[in-house]
Amino acid sequence: MIIGANHEAGVQVKYLDRVIFEALTLVVSTTLAKAKVFESMERKLEKRKQLLRDRQDELLIARKISIQNEKVSALGEMAAGVAHEINNPLNFLVNIVSELERDTKGLHEIAALGNTFAPQNIRHEIDKIFVDYNLAERITESDYVYTLIRQSLARAQKTVSSLRIFARQAGNDGVKPEPLCELIRSAFEIIPQKYRADVTLTCELGSECAVHVNRIEFSQIIINILTNSIEAMNGKGSIKIDLEETNRSHLVSISDTGCGVPPENRALIFKAFFTTQNKEQHTGLGLTVALELSHKNGGTIELAQKQPTLGACFIITIPKPFKPSAELDAHAA
């Protein structure tokens, strides 16, 4: 440019000046080219760093899932042992309660007959026994007491049933048809009572609905989402579970009455280590693990569009098994 300007002004450019200018031009252009290459390398390096960070997060998630699966497997084995040890004496108690209630009524009838037809001295002994053992009050309350015993035993049976369902194969199940409502209720029962005591669970799924999943992995998905909902409600509120079906999928929605998810956090809730709870007590991997396990079973999890004040709603998509066209036609018919 300088040479061109001097030429236009009628100034003759010396050969040495031209060489210097050409050298400077070459240096500048080379420097600019190197700067572009350096900038490109910086961008590539940053991408590689980000890729490395993502891979590290994935490895941590995979490790967390592996540890979680080992814990679930160990818990399954322990649950199977506990359920077996409790089930036998529990069945004995369930069977003997009716006999005890019958015997109590029989003793009451015998006492009534004794007071009516027995000699005076026998009636006096019967009355003394009733007073010493407070039998009159106990017989009056017997129906109520036996009702409480039956209710308590029914709760214990329900807990044992949940443990036995959870323990099947100790996490080694493959993907096979499983009763959806039973899976969800069992997962809810696994959550410690102190956390869910004031939480109402409503399932509107239909008892016949079956999904093709790995039982233990799907149970872990449900436990993680339910635990997240319970924490969002501070342990008090209601959780409702609904089911929709398409030609290819089951859509399970889990809605709670908690604080909801603010718009700024919607894109972050499934990211590893993100949590709005106390970071010393929460890893921020609950929903991340649930999503990874869902992907492993061929499905996914999404946060439904909902006003935060109305709580949160997670939708689990579970694919239906592939059916050959002939089977589909027969099913349609």
C-alpha atoms as a PDB file:
ATOM      1  CA  MET A   1       0.000   0.000   0.000  1.00  0.00           C
ATOM      2  CA  ILE A   2       2.849   2.377   0.896  1.00  0.00           C
ATOM      3  CA  ILE A   3       4.642   1.473  -2.334  1.00  0.00           C
ATOM      4  CA  GLY A   4       1.457   2.042  -4.300  1.00  0.00           C
ATOM      5  CA  ALA A   5       0.927   5.430  -2.607  1.00  0.00           C
ATOM      6  CA  ASN A   6       4.476   6.560  -3.380  1.00  0.00           C
ATOM      7  CA  HIS A   7       4.062   5.401  -6.961  1.00  0.00           C
ATOM      8  CA  GLU A   8       0.883   7.451  -7.351  1.00  0.00           C
ATOM      9  CA  ALA A   9       2.668  10.478  -5.886  1.00  0.00           C
ATOM     10  CA  GLY A  10       5.394  10.131  -8.481  1.00  0.00           C
ATOM     11  CA  VAL A  11       8.012   9.036  -5.989  1.00  0.00           C
ATOM     12  CA  GLN A  12      10.344   6.371  -7.269  1.00  0.00           C
ATOM     13  CA  VAL A  13      10.608   3.418  -4.899  1.00  0.00           C
ATOM     14  CA  LYS A  14      14.062   2.114  -4.358  1.00  0.00           C
ATOM     15  CA  TYR A  15      14.767  -1.594  -4.730  1.00  0.00           C
ATOM     16  CA  LEU A  16      15.962  -1.916  -1.127  1.00  0.00           C
ATOM     17  CA  ASP A  17      12.801  -0.276   0.175  1.00  0.00           C
ATOM     18  CA  ARG A  18      10.735  -2.641  -1.875  1.00  0.00           C
ATOM     19  CA  VAL A  19      12.550  -5.652  -0.462  1.00  0.00           C
ATOM     20  CA  ILE A  20      12.075  -4.326   3.084  1.00  0.00           C
ATOM     21  CA  PHE A  21       8.388  -3.716   2.508  1.00  0.00           C
ATOM     22  CA  GLU A  22       7.899  -7.158   1.003  1.00  0.00           C
ATOM     23  CA  ALA A  23       9.733  -8.733   3.957  1.00  0.00           C
ATOM     24  CA  LEU A  24       7.585  -6.807   6.416  1.00  0.00           C
ATOM     25  CA  THR A  25       4.471  -7.825   4.540  1.00  0.00           C
ATOM     26  CA  LEU A  26       5.551 -11.455   4.672  1.00  0.00           C
ATOM     27  CA  VAL A  27       6.262 -11.226   8.414  1.00  0.00           C
ATOM     28  CA  VAL A  28       2.891  -9.609   9.117  1.00  0.00           C
ATOM     29  CA  SER A  29       0.952 -12.100   7.015  1.00  0.00           C
ATOM     30  CA  THR A  30       2.830 -15.007   8.585  1.00  0.00           C
ATOM     31  CA  THR A  31       2.162 -13.640  12.064  1.00  0.00           C
ATOM     32  CA  LEU A  32      -1.545 -13.253  11.293  1.00  0.00           C
ATOM     33  CA  ALA A  33      -1.680 -16.768   9.902  1.00  0.00           C
ATOM     34  CA  LYS A  34       0.040 -18.121  13.016  1.00  0.00           C
ATOM     35  CA  ALA A  35      -2.364 -16.149  15.196  1.00  0.00           C
ATOM     36  CA  LYS A  36      -5.313 -17.731  13.393  1.00  0.00           C
ATOM     37  CA  VAL A  37      -3.758 -21.169  13.775  1.00  0.00           C
ATOM     38  CA  PHE A  38      -3.105 -20.492  17.468  1.00  0.00           C
ATOM     39  CA  GLU A  39      -6.671 -19.282  17.960  1.00  0.00           C
ATOM     40  CA  SER A  40      -7.980 -22.386  16.212  1.00  0.00           C
ATOM     41  CA  MET A  41      -5.760 -24.570  18.384  1.00  0.00           C
ATOM     42  CA  GLU A  42      -7.042 -22.800  21.507  1.00  0.00           C
ATOM     43  CA  ARG A  43     -10.628 -23.467  20.455  1.00  0.00           C
ATOM     44  CA  LYS A  44      -9.828 -27.121  19.774  1.00  0.00           C
ATOM     45  CA  LEU A  45      -8.005 -27.404  23.082  1.00  0.00           C
ATOM     46  CA  GLU A  46     -10.971 -25.907  24.941  1.00  0.00           C
ATOM     47  CA  LYS A  47     -13.299 -28.337  23.177  1.00  0.00           C
ATOM     48  CA  ARG A  48     -11.025 -31.215  24.146  1.00  0.00           C
ATOM     49  CA  LYS A  49     -10.933 -29.960  27.744  1.00  0.00           C
ATOM     50  CA  GLN A  50     -14.727 -29.779  27.781  1.00  0.00           C
ATOM     51  CA  LEU A  51     -14.908 -33.252  26.217  1.00  0.00           C
ATOM     52  CA  LEU A  52     -12.520 -34.527  28.891  1.00  0.00           C
ATOM     53  CA  ARG A  53     -14.630 -32.932  31.634  1.00  0.00           C
ATOM     54  CA  ASP A  54     -17.754 -34.546  30.138  1.00  0.00           C
ATOM     55  CA  ARG A  55     -16.011 -37.929  29.987  1.00  0.00           C
ATOM     56  CA  GLN A  56     -14.898 -37.545  33.598  1.00  0.00           C
ATOM     57  CA  ASP A  57     -18.476 -36.757  34.617  1.00  0.00           C
ATOM     58  CA  GLU A  58     -19.702 -39.780  32.667  1.00  0.00           C
ATOM     59  CA  LEU A  59     -17.115 -41.988  34.374  1.00  0.00           C
ATOM     60  CA  LEU A  60     -18.171 -40.667  37.774  1.00  0.00           C
ATOM     61  CA  ILE A  61     -21.815 -41.316  36.909  1.00  0.00           C
ATOM     62  CA  ALA A  62     -20.994 -44.803  35.633  1.00  0.00           C
ATOM     63  CA  ARG A  63     -19.033 -45.484  38.819  1.00  0.00           C
ATOM     64  CA  LYS A  64     -21.916 -44.170  40.916  1.00  0.00           C
ATOM     65  CA  ILE A  65     -24.365 -46.408  39.029  1.00  0.00           C
ATOM     66  CA  SER A  66     -22.037 -49.385  39.456  1.00  0.00           C
ATOM     67  CA  ILE A  67     -21.735 -48.729  43.206  1.00  0.00           C
ATOM     68  CA  GLN A  68     -25.493 -48.190  43.406  1.00  0.00           C
ATOM     69  CA  ASN A  69     -26.139 -51.482  41.611  1.00  0.00           C
ATOM     70  CA  GLU A  70     -23.774 -53.284  43.982  1.00  0.00           C
ATOM     71  CA  LYS A  71     -25.566 -51.733  46.957  1.00  0.00           C
ATOM     72  CA  VAL A  72     -28.953 -52.671  45.506  1.00  0.00           C
ATOM     73  CA  SER A  73     -27.714 -56.212  44.847  1.00  0.00           C
ATOM     74  CA  ALA A  74     -26.420 -56.528  48.425  1.00  0.00           C
ATOM     75  CA  LEU A  75     -29.634 -55.002  49.744  1.00  0.00           C
ATOM     76  CA  GLY A  76     -31.608 -57.461  47.651  1.00  0.00           C
ATOM     77  CA  GLU A  77     -29.763 -60.419  49.134  1.00  0.00           C
ATOM     78  CA  MET A  78     -30.207 -59.038  52.644  1.00  0.00           C
ATOM     79  CA  ALA A  79     -33.886 -58.321  51.987  1.00  0.00           C
ATOM     80  CA  ALA A  80     -34.406 -61.887  50.789  1.00  0.00           C
ATOM     81  CA  GLY A  81     -32.857 -63.236  54.006  1.00  0.00           C
ATOM     82  CA  VAL A  82     -34.820 -60.887  56.258  1.00  0.00           C
ATOM     83  CA  ALA A  83     -38.087 -61.604  54.439  1.00  0.00           C
ATOM     84  CA  HIS A  84     -37.525 -65.355  54.750  1.00  0.00           C
ATOM     85  CA  GLU A  85     -36.683 -65.175  58.458  1.00  0.00           C
ATOM     86  CA  ILE A  86     -39.683 -62.970  59.243  1.00  0.00           C
ATOM     87  CA  ASN A  87     -42.203 -64.677  56.975  1.00  0.00           C
ATOM     88  CA  ASN A  88     -42.427 -68.020  58.785  1.00  0.00           C
ATOM     89  CA  PRO A  89     -43.150 -66.693  62.311  1.00  0.00           C
ATOM     90  CA  LEU A  90     -45.382 -64.030  60.768  1.00  0.00           C
ATOM     91  CA  ASN A  91     -47.505 -66.674  59.021  1.00  0.00           C
ATOM     92  CA  PHE A  92     -47.721 -68.562  62.323  1.00  0.00           C
ATOM     93  CA  LEU A  93     -49.030 -65.442  64.081  1.00  0.00           C
ATOM     94  CA  VAL A  94     -51.523 -64.714  61.303  1.00  0.00           C
ATOM     95  CA  ASN A  95     -52.888 -68.261  61.480  1.00  0.00           C
ATOM     96  CA  ILE A  96     -53.079 -68.412  65.272  1.00  0.00           C
ATOM     97  CA  VAL A  97     -54.872 -65.079  65.787  1.00  0.00           C
ATOM     98  CA  SER A  98     -58.196 -66.494  64.604  1.00  0.00           C
ATOM     99  CA  GLU A  99     -57.793 -69.461  66.943  1.00  0.00           C
ATOM    100  CA  LEU A 100     -56.959 -67.201  69.877  1.00  0.00           C
ATOM    101  CA  GLU A 101     -59.997 -65.045  69.156  1.00  0.00           C
ATOM    102  CA  ARG A 102     -62.183 -68.150  68.986  1.00  0.00           C
ATOM    103  CA  ASP A 103     -60.721 -69.464  72.266  1.00  0.00           C
ATOM    104  CA  THR A 104     -61.293 -66.100  73.965  1.00  0.00           C
ATOM    105  CA  LYS A 105     -64.947 -66.137  72.961  1.00  0.00           C
ATOM    106  CA  GLY A 106     -65.206 -69.762  74.131  1.00  0.00           C
ATOM    107  CA  LEU A 107     -63.800 -68.904  77.555  1.00  0.00           C
ATOM    108  CA  HIS A 108     -66.260 -66.030  77.807  1.00  0.00           C
ATOM    109  CA  GLU A 109     -69.140 -68.386  77.035  1.00  0.00           C
ATOM    110  CA  ILE A 110     -67.872 -70.936  79.585  1.00  0.00           C
ATOM    111  CA  ALA A 111     -67.656 -68.203  82.240  1.00  0.00           C
ATOM    112  CA  ALA A 112     -71.196 -67.072  81.397  1.00  0.00           C
ATOM    113  CA  LEU A 113     -72.513 -70.651  81.720  1.00  0.00           C
ATOM    114  CA  GLY A 114     -70.639 -71.101  85.011  1.00  0.00           C
ATOM    115  CA  ASN A 115     -72.184 -67.964  86.461  1.00  0.00           C
ATOM    116  CA  THR A 116     -75.619 -69.234  85.424  1.00  0.00           C
ATOM    117  CA  PHE A 117     -75.576 -72.926  86.291  1.00  0.00           C
ATOM    118  CA  ALA A 118     -72.560 -73.557  88.559  1.00  0.00           C
ATOM    119  CA  PRO A 119     -72.874 -73.831  92.359  1.00  0.00           C
ATOM    120  CA  GLN A 120     -72.352 -70.734  94.452  1.00  0.00           C
ATOM    121  CA  ASN A 121     -68.789 -71.589  95.444  1.00  0.00           C
ATOM    122  CA  ILE A 122     -67.786 -72.114  91.770  1.00  0.00           C
ATOM    123  CA  ARG A 123     -69.393 -68.857  90.746  1.00  0.00           C
ATOM    124  CA  HIS A 124     -67.467 -67.141  93.531  1.00  0.00           C
ATOM    125  CA  GLU A 125     -64.175 -68.581  92.198  1.00  0.00           C
ATOM    126  CA  ILE A 126     -65.058 -67.512  88.653  1.00  0.00           C
ATOM    127  CA  ASP A 127     -65.790 -63.965  89.837  1.00  0.00           C
ATOM    128  CA  LYS A 128     -62.492 -63.920  91.737  1.00  0.00           C
ATOM    129  CA  ILE A 129     -60.559 -64.980  88.625  1.00  0.00           C
ATOM    130  CA  PHE A 130     -62.303 -62.279  86.567  1.00  0.00           C
ATOM    131  CA  VAL A 131     -61.309 -59.649  89.125  1.00  0.00           C
ATOM    132  CA  ASP A 132     -57.720 -60.867  89.567  1.00  0.00           C
ATOM    133  CA  TYR A 133     -57.030 -60.902  85.823  1.00  0.00           C
ATOM    134  CA  ASN A 134     -59.297 -58.015  84.875  1.00  0.00           C
ATOM    135  CA  LEU A 135     -60.999 -60.369  82.425  1.00  0.00           C
ATOM    136  CA  ALA A 136     -64.263 -58.448  82.180  1.00  0.00           C
ATOM    137  CA  GLU A 137     -62.499 -55.418  80.668  1.00  0.00           C
ATOM    138  CA  ARG A 138     -60.226 -57.550  78.512  1.00  0.00           C
ATOM    139  CA  ILE A 139     -63.136 -59.545  77.074  1.00  0.00           C
ATOM    140  CA  THR A 140     -65.025 -56.327  76.351  1.00  0.00           C
ATOM    141  CA  GLU A 141     -62.020 -54.939  74.470  1.00  0.00           C
ATOM    142  CA  SER A 142     -61.082 -58.215  72.782  1.00  0.00           C
ATOM    143  CA  ASP A 143     -62.724 -57.433  69.439  1.00  0.00           C
ATOM    144  CA  TYR A 144     -60.897 -54.093  69.242  1.00  0.00           C
ATOM    145  CA  VAL A 145     -57.581 -55.677  70.299  1.00  0.00           C
ATOM    146  CA  TYR A 146     -57.813 -58.472  67.756  1.00  0.00           C
ATOM    147  CA  THR A 147     -58.644 -55.930  65.054  1.00  0.00           C
ATOM    148  CA  LEU A 148     -55.477 -53.992  65.931  1.00  0.00           C
ATOM    149  CA  ILE A 149     -53.448 -57.210  65.892  1.00  0.00           C
ATOM    150  CA  ARG A 150     -54.760 -58.112  62.444  1.00  0.00           C
ATOM    151  CA  GLN A 151     -54.005 -54.627  61.114  1.00  0.00           C
ATOM    152  CA  SER A 152     -50.469 -54.768  62.504  1.00  0.00           C
ATOM    153  CA  LEU A 153     -49.867 -58.214  61.041  1.00  0.00           C
ATOM    154  CA  ALA A 154     -51.235 -57.047  57.672  1.00  0.00           C
ATOM    155  CA  ARG A 155     -48.752 -54.144  57.658  1.00  0.00           C
ATOM    156  CA  ALA A 156     -45.944 -56.550  58.512  1.00  0.00           C
ATOM    157  CA  GLN A 157     -47.032 -58.897  55.702  1.00  0.00           C
ATOM    158  CA  LYS A 158     -47.092 -55.975  53.296  1.00  0.00           C
ATOM    159  CA  THR A 159     -43.550 -55.014  54.288  1.00  0.00           C
ATOM    160  CA  VAL A 160     -42.330 -58.592  53.886  1.00  0.00           C
ATOM    161  CA  SER A 161     -44.047 -58.800  50.508  1.00  0.00           C
ATOM    162  CA  SER A 162     -42.302 -55.609  49.385  1.00  0.00           C
ATOM    163  CA  LEU A 163     -38.946 -56.974  50.565  1.00  0.00           C
ATOM    164  CA  ARG A 164     -39.492 -60.236  48.693  1.00  0.00           C
ATOM    165  CA  ILE A 165     -40.468 -58.425  45.514  1.00  0.00           C
ATOM    166  CA  PHE A 166     -37.435 -56.165  45.793  1.00  0.00           C
ATOM    167  CA  ALA A 167     -35.142 -59.119  46.484  1.00  0.00           C
ATOM    168  CA  ARG A 168     -35.974 -61.209  43.421  1.00  0.00           C
ATOM    169  CA  GLN A 169     -32.755 -62.318  41.768  1.00  0.00           C
ATOM    170  CA  ALA A 170     -30.888 -59.655  43.809  1.00  0.00           C
ATOM    171  CA  GLY A 171     -30.589 -57.328  40.821  1.00  0.00           C
ATOM    172  CA  ASN A 172     -29.756 -59.962  38.202  1.00  0.00           C
ATOM    173  CA  ASP A 173     -33.122 -59.811  36.440  1.00  0.00           C
ATOM    174  CA  GLY A 174     -33.205 -59.226  32.735  1.00  0.00           C
ATOM    175  CA  VAL A 175     -35.811 -57.182  30.927  1.00  0.00           C
ATOM    176  CA  LYS A 176     -39.167 -58.927  31.220  1.00  0.00           C
ATOM    177  CA  PRO A 177     -42.845 -58.082  31.862  1.00  0.00           C
ATOM    178  CA  GLU A 178     -43.373 -56.677  35.353  1.00  0.00           C
ATOM    179  CA  PRO A 179     -46.586 -55.385  37.036  1.00  0.00           C
ATOM    180  CA  LEU A 180     -46.194 -51.607  37.043  1.00  0.00           C
ATOM    181  CA  CYS A 181     -48.420 -50.763  40.010  1.00  0.00           C
ATOM    182  CA  GLU A 182     -46.753 -53.424  42.161  1.00  0.00           C
ATOM    183  CA  LEU A 183     -43.290 -52.118  41.248  1.00  0.00           C
ATOM    184  CA  ILE A 184     -44.176 -48.549  42.191  1.00  0.00           C
ATOM    185  CA  ARG A 185     -45.856 -49.421  45.485  1.00  0.00           C
ATOM    186  CA  SER A 186     -42.974 -51.711  46.441  1.00  0.00           C
ATOM    187  CA  ALA A 187     -40.465 -48.966  45.641  1.00  0.00           C
ATOM    188  CA  PHE A 188     -42.472 -46.549  47.808  1.00  0.00           C
ATOM    189  CA  GLU A 189     -42.478 -49.067  50.677  1.00  0.00           C
ATOM    190  CA  ILE A 190     -38.679 -49.384  50.438  1.00  0.00           C
ATOM    191  CA  ILE A 191     -38.260 -45.664  51.282  1.00  0.00           C
ATOM    192  CA  PRO A 192     -37.833 -45.384  55.080  1.00  0.00           C
ATOM    193  CA  GLN A 193     -41.111 -44.767  56.912  1.00  0.00           C
ATOM    194  CA  LYS A 194     -39.768 -41.667  58.684  1.00  0.00           C
ATOM    195  CA  TYR A 195     -39.418 -39.887  55.316  1.00  0.00           C
ATOM    196  CA  ARG A 196     -42.789 -40.871  53.825  1.00  0.00           C
ATOM    197  CA  ALA A 197     -45.006 -40.999  56.926  1.00  0.00           C
ATOM    198  CA  ASP A 198     -46.910 -37.833  55.933  1.00  0.00           C
ATOM    199  CA  VAL A 199     -46.906 -38.483  52.181  1.00  0.00           C
ATOM    200  CA  THR A 200     -49.957 -39.845  50.358  1.00  0.00           C
ATOM    201  CA  LEU A 201     -49.284 -41.959  47.253  1.00  0.00           C
ATOM    202  CA  THR A 202     -52.059 -42.346  44.669  1.00  0.00           C
ATOM    203  CA  CYS A 203     -51.592 -44.782  41.775  1.00  0.00           C
ATOM    204  CA  GLU A 204     -54.077 -44.686  38.907  1.00  0.00           C
ATOM    205  CA  LEU A 205     -52.454 -47.290  36.704  1.00  0.00           C
ATOM    206  CA  GLY A 206     -54.686 -50.319  36.613  1.00  0.00           C
ATOM    207  CA  SER A 207     -53.608 -53.572  38.233  1.00  0.00           C
ATOM    208  CA  GLU A 208     -53.163 -55.367  34.904  1.00  0.00           C
ATOM    209  CA  CYS A 209     -50.630 -52.964  33.382  1.00  0.00           C
ATOM    210  CA  ALA A 210     -47.248 -54.641  32.772  1.00  0.00           C
ATOM    211  CA  VAL A 211     -44.047 -53.022  31.499  1.00  0.00           C
ATOM    212  CA  HIS A 212     -40.922 -54.630  30.010  1.00  0.00           C
ATOM    213  CA  VAL A 213     -38.098 -53.486  32.308  1.00  0.00           C
ATOM    214  CA  ASN A 214     -35.316 -54.712  34.541  1.00  0.00           C
ATOM    215  CA  ARG A 215     -37.155 -54.906  37.872  1.00  0.00           C
ATOM    216  CA  ILE A 216     -34.308 -53.725  40.104  1.00  0.00           C
ATOM    217  CA  GLU A 217     -33.144 -50.939  37.799  1.00  0.00           C
ATOM    218  CA  PHE A 218     -36.685 -49.649  37.274  1.00  0.00           C
ATOM    219  CA  SER A 219     -37.309 -49.801  41.028  1.00  0.00           C
ATOM    220  CA  GLN A 220     -34.191 -47.664  41.513  1.00  0.00           C
ATOM    221  CA  ILE A 221     -35.549 -45.127  38.994  1.00  0.00           C
ATOM    222  CA  ILE A 222     -38.836 -44.894  40.886  1.00  0.00           C
ATOM    223  CA  ILE A 223     -37.126 -44.692  44.293  1.00  0.00           C
ATOM    224  CA  ASN A 224     -34.890 -41.835  43.109  1.00  0.00           C
ATOM    225  CA  ILE A 225     -37.782 -39.824  41.654  1.00  0.00           C
ATOM    226  CA  LEU A 226     -40.066 -40.466  44.644  1.00  0.00           C
ATOM    227  CA  THR A 227     -37.259 -39.506  47.043  1.00  0.00           C
ATOM    228  CA  ASN A 228     -36.715 -36.306  45.061  1.00  0.00           C
ATOM    229  CA  SER A 229     -40.442 -35.506  45.282  1.00  0.00           C
ATOM    230  CA  ILE A 230     -40.590 -36.241  49.029  1.00  0.00           C
ATOM    231  CA  GLU A 231     -37.619 -33.940  49.653  1.00  0.00           C
ATOM    232  CA  ALA A 232     -39.225 -31.204  47.527  1.00  0.00           C
ATOM    233  CA  MET A 233     -42.357 -31.463  49.707  1.00  0.00           C
ATOM    234  CA  ASN A 234     -40.313 -31.502  52.942  1.00  0.00           C
ATOM    235  CA  GLY A 235     -41.876 -34.870  53.727  1.00  0.00           C
ATOM    236  CA  LYS A 236     -45.500 -33.645  53.643  1.00  0.00           C
ATOM    237  CA  GLY A 237     -47.853 -33.704  50.667  1.00  0.00           C
ATOM    238  CA  SER A 238     -49.186 -36.021  48.007  1.00  0.00           C
ATOM    239  CA  ILE A 239     -47.735 -37.831  45.025  1.00  0.00           C
ATOM    240  CA  LYS A 240     -49.936 -38.928  42.149  1.00  0.00           C
ATOM    241  CA  ILE A 241     -48.909 -41.446  39.500  1.00  0.00           C
ATOM    242  CA  ASP A 242     -50.789 -41.711  36.204  1.00  0.00           C
ATOM    243  CA  LEU A 243     -50.347 -43.821  33.090  1.00  0.00           C
ATOM    244  CA  GLU A 244     -50.877 -43.018  29.428  1.00  0.00           C
ATOM    245  CA  GLU A 245     -50.224 -45.373  26.545  1.00  0.00           C
ATOM    246  CA  THR A 246     -49.244 -44.860  22.937  1.00  0.00           C
ATOM    247  CA  ASN A 247     -48.711 -47.472  20.239  1.00  0.00           C
ATOM    248  CA  ARG A 248     -45.033 -47.707  21.150  1.00  0.00           C
ATOM    249  CA  SER A 249     -44.658 -46.593  24.775  1.00  0.00           C
ATOM    250  CA  HIS A 250     -46.001 -46.437  28.299  1.00  0.00           C
ATOM    251  CA  LEU A 251     -45.881 -42.900  29.736  1.00  0.00           C
ATOM    252  CA  VAL A 252     -45.730 -42.884  33.541  1.00  0.00           C
ATOM    253  CA  SER A 253     -46.156 -39.429  35.104  1.00  0.00           C
ATOM    254  CA  ILE A 254     -45.149 -38.788  38.722  1.00  0.00           C
ATOM    255  CA  SER A 255     -46.578 -35.506  40.069  1.00  0.00           C
ATOM    256  CA  ASP A 256     -45.975 -33.999  43.497  1.00  0.00           C
ATOM    257  CA  THR A 257     -47.240 -31.018  45.472  1.00  0.00           C
ATOM    258  CA  GLY A 258     -43.779 -29.705  46.271  1.00  0.00           C
ATOM    259  CA  CYS A 259     -42.043 -26.426  45.519  1.00  0.00           C
ATOM    260  CA  GLY A 260     -41.612 -27.241  41.812  1.00  0.00           C
ATOM    261  CA  VAL A 261     -38.614 -26.528  39.589  1.00  0.00           C
ATOM    262  CA  PRO A 262     -37.744 -22.868  38.849  1.00  0.00           C
ATOM    263  CA  PRO A 263     -37.287 -22.065  35.123  1.00  0.00           C
ATOM    264  CA  GLU A 264     -33.570 -21.378  35.591  1.00  0.00           C
ATOM    265  CA  ASN A 265     -33.036 -24.906  36.978  1.00  0.00           C
ATOM    266  CA  ARG A 266     -35.028 -26.892  34.407  1.00  0.00           C
ATOM    267  CA  ALA A 267     -32.015 -27.474  32.160  1.00  0.00           C
ATOM    268  CA  LEU A 268     -29.814 -28.452  35.121  1.00  0.00           C
ATOM    269  CA  ILE A 269     -31.786 -30.971  37.163  1.00  0.00           C
ATOM    270  CA  PHE A 270     -30.482 -34.015  35.267  1.00  0.00           C
ATOM    271  CA  LYS A 271     -26.876 -32.801  35.233  1.00  0.00           C
ATOM    272  CA  ALA A 272     -24.469 -34.678  37.447  1.00  0.00           C
ATOM    273  CA  PHE A 273     -23.832 -33.175  40.907  1.00  0.00           C
ATOM    274  CA  PHE A 274     -26.504 -30.479  40.564  1.00  0.00           C
ATOM    275  CA  THR A 275     -28.582 -30.136  43.711  1.00  0.00           C
ATOM    276  CA  THR A 276     -30.508 -27.421  45.509  1.00  0.00           C
ATOM    277  CA  GLN A 277     -30.298 -29.392  48.775  1.00  0.00           C
ATOM    278  CA  ASN A 278     -27.488 -29.489  51.324  1.00  0.00           C
ATOM    279  CA  LYS A 279     -24.433 -30.612  49.325  1.00  0.00           C
ATOM    280  CA  GLU A 280     -22.936 -32.295  52.380  1.00  0.00           C
ATOM    281  CA  GLN A 281     -25.923 -34.657  52.507  1.00  0.00           C
ATOM    282  CA  HIS A 282     -26.831 -34.927  48.806  1.00  0.00           C
ATOM    283  CA  THR A 283     -24.609 -35.930  45.880  1.00  0.00           C
ATOM    284  CA  GLY A 284     -26.802 -34.418  43.164  1.00  0.00           C
ATOM    285  CA  LEU A 285     -26.781 -37.752  41.293  1.00  0.00           C
ATOM    286  CA  GLY A 286     -30.268 -39.095  42.072  1.00  0.00           C
ATOM    287  CA  LEU A 287     -32.005 -37.861  38.913  1.00  0.00           C
ATOM    288  CA  THR A 288     -28.843 -38.344  36.846  1.00  0.00           C
ATOM    289  CA  VAL A 289     -28.676 -42.023  37.796  1.00  0.00           C
ATOM    290  CA  ALA A 290     -32.420 -42.381  37.181  1.00  0.00           C
ATOM    291  CA  LEU A 291     -32.021 -40.939  33.667  1.00  0.00           C
ATOM    292  CA  GLU A 292     -29.036 -43.179  32.880  1.00  0.00           C
ATOM    293  CA  LEU A 293     -30.899 -46.289  34.065  1.00  0.00           C
ATOM    294  CA  SER A 294     -33.924 -45.214  32.033  1.00  0.00           C
ATOM    295  CA  HIS A 295     -31.754 -44.914  28.922  1.00  0.00           C
ATOM    296  CA  LYS A 296     -30.304 -48.346  29.696  1.00  0.00           C
ATOM    297  CA  ASN A 297     -33.836 -49.768  29.626  1.00  0.00           C
ATOM    298  CA  GLY A 298     -34.544 -48.036  26.311  1.00  0.00           C
ATOM    299  CA  GLY A 299     -36.623 -45.201  27.769  1.00  0.00           C
ATOM    300  CA  THR A 300     -36.149 -41.658  28.998  1.00  0.00           C
ATOM    301  CA  ILE A 301     -37.287 -39.196  31.686  1.00  0.00           C
ATOM    302  CA  GLU A 302     -38.530 -35.668  31.088  1.00  0.00           C
ATOM    303  CA  LEU A 303     -39.677 -32.816  33.298  1.00  0.00           C
ATOM    304  CA  ALA A 304     -43.159 -31.817  32.172  1.00  0.00           C
ATOM    305  CA  GLN A 305     -44.027 -28.187  31.512  1.00  0.00           C
ATOM    306  CA  LYS A 306     -45.740 -27.026  34.683  1.00  0.00           C
ATOM    307  CA  GLN A 307     -45.987 -23.934  36.843  1.00  0.00           C
ATOM    308  CA  PRO A 308     -43.445 -24.240  39.697  1.00  0.00           C
ATOM    309  CA  THR A 309     -46.133 -23.353  42.250  1.00  0.00           C
ATOM    310  CA  LEU A 310     -48.061 -26.472  41.198  1.00  0.00           C
ATOM    311  CA  GLY A 311     -45.205 -28.827  42.002  1.00  0.00           C
ATOM    312  CA  ALA A 312     -43.124 -30.957  39.653  1.00  0.00           C
ATOM    313  CA  CYS A 313     -44.133 -33.670  37.211  1.00  0.00           C
ATOM    314  CA  PHE A 314     -41.672 -36.209  35.799  1.00  0.00           C
ATOM    315  CA  ILE A 315     -42.670 -38.357  32.825  1.00  0.00           C
ATOM    316  CA  ILE A 316     -40.980 -41.741  32.391  1.00  0.00           C
ATOM    317  CA  THR A 317     -41.203 -43.167  28.873  1.00  0.00           C
ATOM    318  CA  ILE A 318     -41.020 -46.960  28.761  1.00  0.00           C
ATOM    319  CA  PRO A 319     -40.909 -48.529  25.284  1.00  0.00           C
ATOM    320  CA  LYS A 320     -43.227 -51.406  24.533  1.00  0.00           C
ATOM    321  CA  PRO A 321     -41.666 -54.590  23.148  1.00  0.00           C
ATOM    322  CA  PHE A 322     -41.569 -54.914  19.377  1.00  0.00           C
ATOM    323  CA  LYS A 323     -44.361 -57.015  17.910  1.00  0.00           C
ATOM    324  CA  PRO A 324     -44.199 -58.597  14.423  1.00  0.00           C
ATOM    325  CA  SER A 325     -46.747 -57.202  11.967  1.00  0.00           C
ATOM    326  CA  ALA A 326     -48.820 -60.421  12.023  1.00  0.00           C
ATOM    327  CA  GLU A 327     -49.099 -60.209  15.812  1.00  0.00           C
ATOM    328  CA  LEU A 328     -50.023 -56.540  15.606  1.00  0.00           C
ATOM    329  CA  ASP A 329     -52.727 -57.310  13.044  1.00  0.00           C
ATOM    330  CA  ALA A 330     -54.106 -60.088  15.244  1.00  0.00           C
ATOM    331  CA  HIS A 331     -54.036 -57.772  18.266  1.00  0.00           C
ATOM    332  CA  ALA A 332     -55.846 -55.047  16.320  1.00  0.00           C
ATOM    333  CA  ALA A 333     -58.458 -57.526  15.174  1.00  0.00           C
END
